[in-house]
């Protein structure tokens, strides 16, 4: 079955992790670092997207709602409907903090972007 953007419904997490993330202007703004799953409901809670930094230094992590990631073959990665400024203004976290307490912090952060 296809998703609203025409893509297949199923994808391996290994294909998602490491993918580039672009804003709507086509500028690369980060990459998917991880995907957080809800074990009991078989759903994706959110994607952890890393922005900025160099070789892991100064990296900022945001919890991005899964449905906000739209894979575009022409970009060779995912496009999110957020500007660089929106993401810079949004709270950012350490990766480990986004999954503490069953991902509560990450879920709240992802909802704030919606």
N, C-alpha and C. Protein backbone atom coordinates (compact mmCIF):
# COMPACT_ATOMS: atom_id res chain seq x y z
N UNK A 1 0.85 -1.18 0.00
CA UNK A 1 0.00 0.00 0.00
C UNK A 1 0.89 1.24 0.00
N UNK A 2 0.48 2.25 -0.71
CA UNK A 2 1.26 3.49 -0.79
C UNK A 2 0.83 4.48 0.29
N UNK A 3 1.77 5.31 0.71
CA UNK A 3 1.47 6.38 1.65
C UNK A 3 0.90 7.56 0.88
N UNK A 4 0.43 8.63 1.58
CA UNK A 4 -0.12 9.79 0.88
C UNK A 4 0.85 10.41 -0.13
N UNK A 5 2.15 10.30 0.12
CA UNK A 5 3.11 10.88 -0.83
C UNK A 5 3.48 9.89 -1.94
N UNK A 6 2.84 8.73 -1.94
CA UNK A 6 3.06 7.77 -3.02
C UNK A 6 4.12 6.74 -2.76
N UNK A 7 4.69 6.72 -1.58
CA UNK A 7 5.75 5.77 -1.27
C UNK A 7 5.16 4.51 -0.66
N UNK A 8 5.95 3.46 -0.62
CA UNK A 8 5.47 2.23 -0.02
C UNK A 8 5.26 2.43 1.48
N UNK A 9 4.44 1.61 2.05
CA UNK A 9 4.09 1.75 3.46
C UNK A 9 5.17 1.22 4.39
N UNK A 10 5.95 0.23 3.95
CA UNK A 10 6.95 -0.38 4.81
C UNK A 10 8.36 0.01 4.35
N UNK A 11 9.25 0.22 5.33
CA UNK A 11 10.65 0.52 5.03
C UNK A 11 11.49 0.03 6.20
N UNK A 12 12.66 -0.47 5.90
CA UNK A 12 13.58 -0.91 6.94
C UNK A 12 14.21 0.31 7.60
N UNK A 13 14.29 0.29 8.92
CA UNK A 13 14.90 1.40 9.66
C UNK A 13 16.33 1.64 9.20
N UNK A 14 17.02 0.59 8.82
CA UNK A 14 18.40 0.73 8.36
C UNK A 14 18.51 1.58 7.09
N UNK A 15 17.44 1.62 6.30
CA UNK A 15 17.44 2.47 5.11
C UNK A 15 17.17 3.93 5.46
N UNK A 16 16.50 4.16 6.57
CA UNK A 16 16.15 5.51 6.99
C UNK A 16 17.32 6.17 7.71
N UNK A 17 17.94 5.45 8.65
CA UNK A 17 19.03 6.00 9.45
C UNK A 17 20.21 6.36 8.55
N UNK A 18 20.70 7.56 8.74
CA UNK A 18 21.81 8.06 7.93
C UNK A 18 21.36 8.85 6.72
N UNK A 19 20.05 8.85 6.44
CA UNK A 19 19.54 9.59 5.28
C UNK A 19 19.62 11.09 5.53
N UNK A 20 19.93 11.83 4.48
CA UNK A 20 19.98 13.28 4.58
C UNK A 20 18.58 13.85 4.75
N UNK A 21 18.51 15.01 5.41
CA UNK A 21 17.25 15.71 5.62
C UNK A 21 17.42 17.12 5.04
N UNK A 22 16.43 17.54 4.26
CA UNK A 22 16.45 18.83 3.59
C UNK A 22 15.25 19.66 4.03
N UNK A 23 15.38 20.98 3.94
CA UNK A 23 14.21 21.83 4.18
C UNK A 23 13.47 22.01 2.85
N UNK A 24 12.37 22.71 2.86
CA UNK A 24 11.56 22.86 1.65
C UNK A 24 12.27 23.65 0.56
N UNK A 25 13.30 24.40 0.93
CA UNK A 25 14.08 25.14 -0.07
C UNK A 25 15.13 24.25 -0.73
N UNK A 26 15.24 23.00 -0.28
CA UNK A 26 16.19 22.06 -0.86
C UNK A 26 17.58 22.11 -0.25
N UNK A 27 17.73 22.82 0.88
CA UNK A 27 19.03 22.89 1.55
C UNK A 27 19.15 21.76 2.56
N UNK A 28 20.30 21.07 2.53
CA UNK A 28 20.53 20.01 3.49
C UNK A 28 20.67 20.63 4.88
N UNK A 29 19.88 20.11 5.82
CA UNK A 29 19.92 20.65 7.18
C UNK A 29 20.28 19.62 8.23
N UNK A 30 20.46 18.38 7.84
CA UNK A 30 20.83 17.36 8.82
C UNK A 30 20.68 15.97 8.26
N UNK A 31 20.62 15.00 9.19
CA UNK A 31 20.41 13.62 8.77
C UNK A 31 19.65 12.86 9.85
N UNK A 32 18.98 11.81 9.44
CA UNK A 32 18.24 10.97 10.38
C UNK A 32 19.27 10.14 11.14
N UNK A 33 19.28 10.32 12.45
CA UNK A 33 20.21 9.58 13.30
C UNK A 33 19.61 8.29 13.82
N UNK A 34 18.30 8.30 14.06
CA UNK A 34 17.65 7.12 14.62
C UNK A 34 16.14 7.25 14.45
N UNK A 35 15.46 6.14 14.65
CA UNK A 35 14.01 6.09 14.62
C UNK A 35 13.57 5.46 15.93
N UNK A 36 12.66 6.11 16.65
CA UNK A 36 12.21 5.62 17.96
C UNK A 36 10.86 4.93 17.77
N UNK A 37 10.81 3.69 18.21
CA UNK A 37 9.62 2.85 18.02
C UNK A 37 8.86 2.67 19.33
N UNK A 38 7.55 2.55 19.21
CA UNK A 38 6.70 2.22 20.35
C UNK A 38 6.52 0.70 20.32
N UNK A 39 7.16 0.01 21.25
CA UNK A 39 7.15 -1.45 21.22
C UNK A 39 5.76 -2.06 21.36
N UNK A 40 4.93 -1.45 22.16
CA UNK A 40 3.64 -2.07 22.44
C UNK A 40 2.57 -1.75 21.40
N UNK A 41 2.73 -0.67 20.63
CA UNK A 41 1.69 -0.32 19.67
C UNK A 41 2.13 -0.50 18.22
N UNK A 42 3.36 -0.96 18.01
CA UNK A 42 3.88 -1.15 16.66
C UNK A 42 3.83 0.13 15.82
N UNK A 43 4.11 1.27 16.44
CA UNK A 43 4.12 2.54 15.74
C UNK A 43 5.49 3.20 15.88
N UNK A 44 5.75 4.13 14.99
CA UNK A 44 6.95 4.94 15.10
C UNK A 44 6.60 6.16 15.93
N UNK A 45 7.35 6.39 17.01
CA UNK A 45 7.09 7.55 17.86
C UNK A 45 7.61 8.82 17.19
N UNK A 46 8.88 8.81 16.75
CA UNK A 46 9.47 9.97 16.08
C UNK A 46 10.82 9.58 15.52
N UNK A 47 11.35 10.46 14.70
CA UNK A 47 12.71 10.29 14.18
C UNK A 47 13.61 11.26 14.94
N UNK A 48 14.82 10.82 15.22
CA UNK A 48 15.82 11.71 15.81
C UNK A 48 16.67 12.23 14.66
N UNK A 49 16.64 13.54 14.47
CA UNK A 49 17.37 14.16 13.37
C UNK A 49 18.46 15.05 13.95
N UNK A 50 19.68 14.84 13.47
CA UNK A 50 20.83 15.62 13.91
C UNK A 50 21.05 16.80 12.99
N UNK A 51 21.30 17.96 13.59
CA UNK A 51 21.54 19.18 12.83
C UNK A 51 22.82 19.83 13.30
N UNK A 52 23.55 20.39 12.39
CA UNK A 52 24.76 21.12 12.75
C UNK A 52 25.86 20.20 13.20
N UNK A 53 26.88 20.79 13.72
CA UNK A 53 27.99 20.02 14.23
C UNK A 53 28.92 19.53 13.13
N UNK A 54 30.07 19.05 13.57
CA UNK A 54 31.05 18.50 12.66
C UNK A 54 31.71 17.32 13.36
N UNK A 55 31.64 16.16 12.74
CA UNK A 55 32.20 14.93 13.32
C UNK A 55 31.66 14.67 14.72
N UNK A 56 30.36 14.96 14.91
CA UNK A 56 29.72 14.69 16.19
C UNK A 56 29.90 15.78 17.24
N UNK A 57 30.70 16.80 16.94
CA UNK A 57 30.92 17.89 17.90
C UNK A 57 29.95 19.02 17.58
N UNK A 58 29.20 19.44 18.59
CA UNK A 58 28.24 20.53 18.41
C UNK A 58 26.94 20.11 17.77
N UNK A 59 26.73 18.81 17.63
CA UNK A 59 25.50 18.30 17.01
C UNK A 59 24.31 18.60 17.91
N UNK A 60 23.20 19.01 17.29
CA UNK A 60 21.95 19.24 17.99
C UNK A 60 20.96 18.21 17.48
N UNK A 61 20.15 17.68 18.39
CA UNK A 61 19.19 16.65 18.01
C UNK A 61 17.77 17.12 18.27
N UNK A 62 16.93 16.87 17.29
CA UNK A 62 15.51 17.20 17.40
C UNK A 62 14.70 15.94 17.20
N UNK A 63 13.60 15.86 17.90
CA UNK A 63 12.62 14.80 17.66
C UNK A 63 11.66 15.35 16.61
N UNK A 64 11.60 14.69 15.49
CA UNK A 64 10.77 15.14 14.38
C UNK A 64 9.66 14.13 14.17
N UNK A 65 8.40 14.61 14.09
CA UNK A 65 7.30 13.67 13.85
C UNK A 65 7.56 12.86 12.58
N UNK A 66 7.37 11.56 12.67
CA UNK A 66 7.64 10.69 11.54
C UNK A 66 6.89 11.14 10.29
N UNK A 67 5.63 11.55 10.47
CA UNK A 67 4.84 11.94 9.30
C UNK A 67 5.34 13.22 8.65
N UNK A 68 6.25 13.94 9.30
CA UNK A 68 6.82 15.16 8.71
C UNK A 68 7.93 14.86 7.72
N UNK A 69 8.45 13.64 7.76
CA UNK A 69 9.54 13.26 6.85
C UNK A 69 8.95 12.74 5.54
N UNK A 70 9.22 13.42 4.46
CA UNK A 70 8.71 13.04 3.15
C UNK A 70 9.90 12.69 2.26
N UNK A 71 10.05 11.41 1.93
CA UNK A 71 11.19 11.01 1.10
C UNK A 71 10.97 11.50 -0.32
N UNK A 72 11.99 12.17 -0.84
CA UNK A 72 11.94 12.65 -2.22
C UNK A 72 13.16 12.11 -2.96
N UNK A 73 12.88 11.28 -3.93
CA UNK A 73 13.95 10.66 -4.70
C UNK A 73 14.83 11.73 -5.35
N UNK A 74 14.21 12.83 -5.80
CA UNK A 74 14.97 13.90 -6.45
C UNK A 74 16.00 14.54 -5.52
N UNK A 75 15.72 14.54 -4.22
CA UNK A 75 16.64 15.10 -3.24
C UNK A 75 17.62 14.04 -2.72
N UNK A 76 17.22 12.79 -2.86
CA UNK A 76 18.04 11.71 -2.32
C UNK A 76 17.97 11.66 -0.82
N UNK A 77 16.86 12.12 -0.26
CA UNK A 77 16.68 12.13 1.19
C UNK A 77 15.29 12.61 1.56
N UNK A 78 15.13 12.93 2.82
CA UNK A 78 13.83 13.35 3.35
C UNK A 78 13.73 14.87 3.37
N UNK A 79 12.55 15.36 3.09
CA UNK A 79 12.27 16.79 3.15
C UNK A 79 11.30 17.01 4.31
N UNK A 80 11.61 18.00 5.14
CA UNK A 80 10.72 18.36 6.25
C UNK A 80 10.15 19.74 6.01
N UNK A 81 8.95 20.00 6.51
CA UNK A 81 8.30 21.29 6.26
C UNK A 81 8.73 22.38 7.24
N UNK A 82 9.96 22.33 7.70
CA UNK A 82 10.45 23.30 8.67
C UNK A 82 11.62 24.06 8.09
N UNK A 83 11.67 25.34 8.37
CA UNK A 83 12.81 26.14 7.93
C UNK A 83 13.97 25.93 8.90
N UNK A 84 15.15 26.31 8.47
CA UNK A 84 16.32 26.23 9.33
C UNK A 84 16.09 27.07 10.58
N UNK A 85 15.45 28.22 10.41
CA UNK A 85 15.18 29.11 11.54
C UNK A 85 14.22 28.48 12.55
N UNK A 86 13.21 27.78 12.06
CA UNK A 86 12.26 27.11 12.96
C UNK A 86 12.98 26.06 13.80
N UNK A 87 13.85 25.31 13.16
CA UNK A 87 14.57 24.27 13.89
C UNK A 87 15.60 24.86 14.84
N UNK A 88 16.23 25.95 14.45
CA UNK A 88 17.19 26.59 15.35
C UNK A 88 16.49 27.15 16.58
N UNK A 89 15.23 27.60 16.41
CA UNK A 89 14.47 28.17 17.53
C UNK A 89 13.86 27.08 18.42
N UNK A 90 13.71 25.89 17.87
CA UNK A 90 13.10 24.79 18.63
C UNK A 90 14.11 24.25 19.65
N UNK A 91 13.61 23.74 20.78
CA UNK A 91 14.52 23.14 21.75
C UNK A 91 15.26 21.96 21.13
N UNK A 92 16.50 21.78 21.52
CA UNK A 92 17.27 20.64 21.06
C UNK A 92 17.79 19.88 22.26
N UNK A 93 18.20 18.67 22.04
CA UNK A 93 18.47 17.74 23.14
C UNK A 93 19.71 16.92 22.86
N UNK A 94 20.16 16.23 23.89
CA UNK A 94 21.11 15.15 23.72
C UNK A 94 20.29 13.97 23.22
N UNK A 95 20.89 13.14 22.41
CA UNK A 95 20.17 11.99 21.86
C UNK A 95 19.56 11.12 22.95
N UNK A 96 20.32 10.84 24.00
CA UNK A 96 19.84 9.96 25.08
C UNK A 96 18.64 10.56 25.80
N UNK A 97 18.56 11.88 25.89
CA UNK A 97 17.45 12.51 26.59
C UNK A 97 16.13 12.33 25.84
N UNK A 98 16.20 12.19 24.54
CA UNK A 98 14.97 12.04 23.75
C UNK A 98 14.28 10.71 23.97
N UNK A 99 15.01 9.71 24.48
CA UNK A 99 14.37 8.40 24.68
C UNK A 99 14.18 8.05 26.15
N UNK A 100 14.58 8.95 27.06
CA UNK A 100 14.35 8.69 28.49
C UNK A 100 12.86 8.61 28.78
N UNK A 101 12.53 7.91 29.83
CA UNK A 101 11.13 7.81 30.28
C UNK A 101 10.18 7.42 29.14
N UNK A 102 10.56 6.37 28.45
CA UNK A 102 9.76 5.86 27.32
C UNK A 102 9.56 6.90 26.22
N UNK A 103 10.53 7.78 26.06
CA UNK A 103 10.49 8.76 24.98
C UNK A 103 9.60 9.96 25.24
N UNK A 104 9.23 10.18 26.50
CA UNK A 104 8.31 11.27 26.82
C UNK A 104 8.83 12.63 26.35
N UNK A 105 10.11 12.89 26.57
CA UNK A 105 10.69 14.18 26.16
C UNK A 105 10.67 14.31 24.63
N UNK A 106 11.02 13.25 23.94
CA UNK A 106 11.01 13.26 22.49
C UNK A 106 9.62 13.43 21.90
N UNK A 107 8.65 12.76 22.50
CA UNK A 107 7.26 12.87 22.03
C UNK A 107 6.79 14.32 22.19
N UNK A 108 7.06 14.92 23.33
CA UNK A 108 6.66 16.31 23.57
C UNK A 108 7.36 17.24 22.59
N UNK A 109 8.64 17.00 22.32
CA UNK A 109 9.39 17.84 21.39
C UNK A 109 8.85 17.70 19.98
N UNK A 110 8.53 16.48 19.58
CA UNK A 110 7.98 16.25 18.23
C UNK A 110 6.62 16.93 18.08
N UNK A 111 5.81 16.86 19.11
CA UNK A 111 4.48 17.51 19.06
C UNK A 111 4.62 19.02 18.95
N UNK A 112 5.64 19.58 19.57
CA UNK A 112 5.85 21.03 19.53
C UNK A 112 6.17 21.50 18.11
N UNK A 113 6.75 20.63 17.30
CA UNK A 113 7.06 20.99 15.91
C UNK A 113 5.84 20.91 15.00
N UNK A 114 4.82 20.16 15.42
CA UNK A 114 3.64 19.95 14.54
C UNK A 114 2.80 21.19 14.44
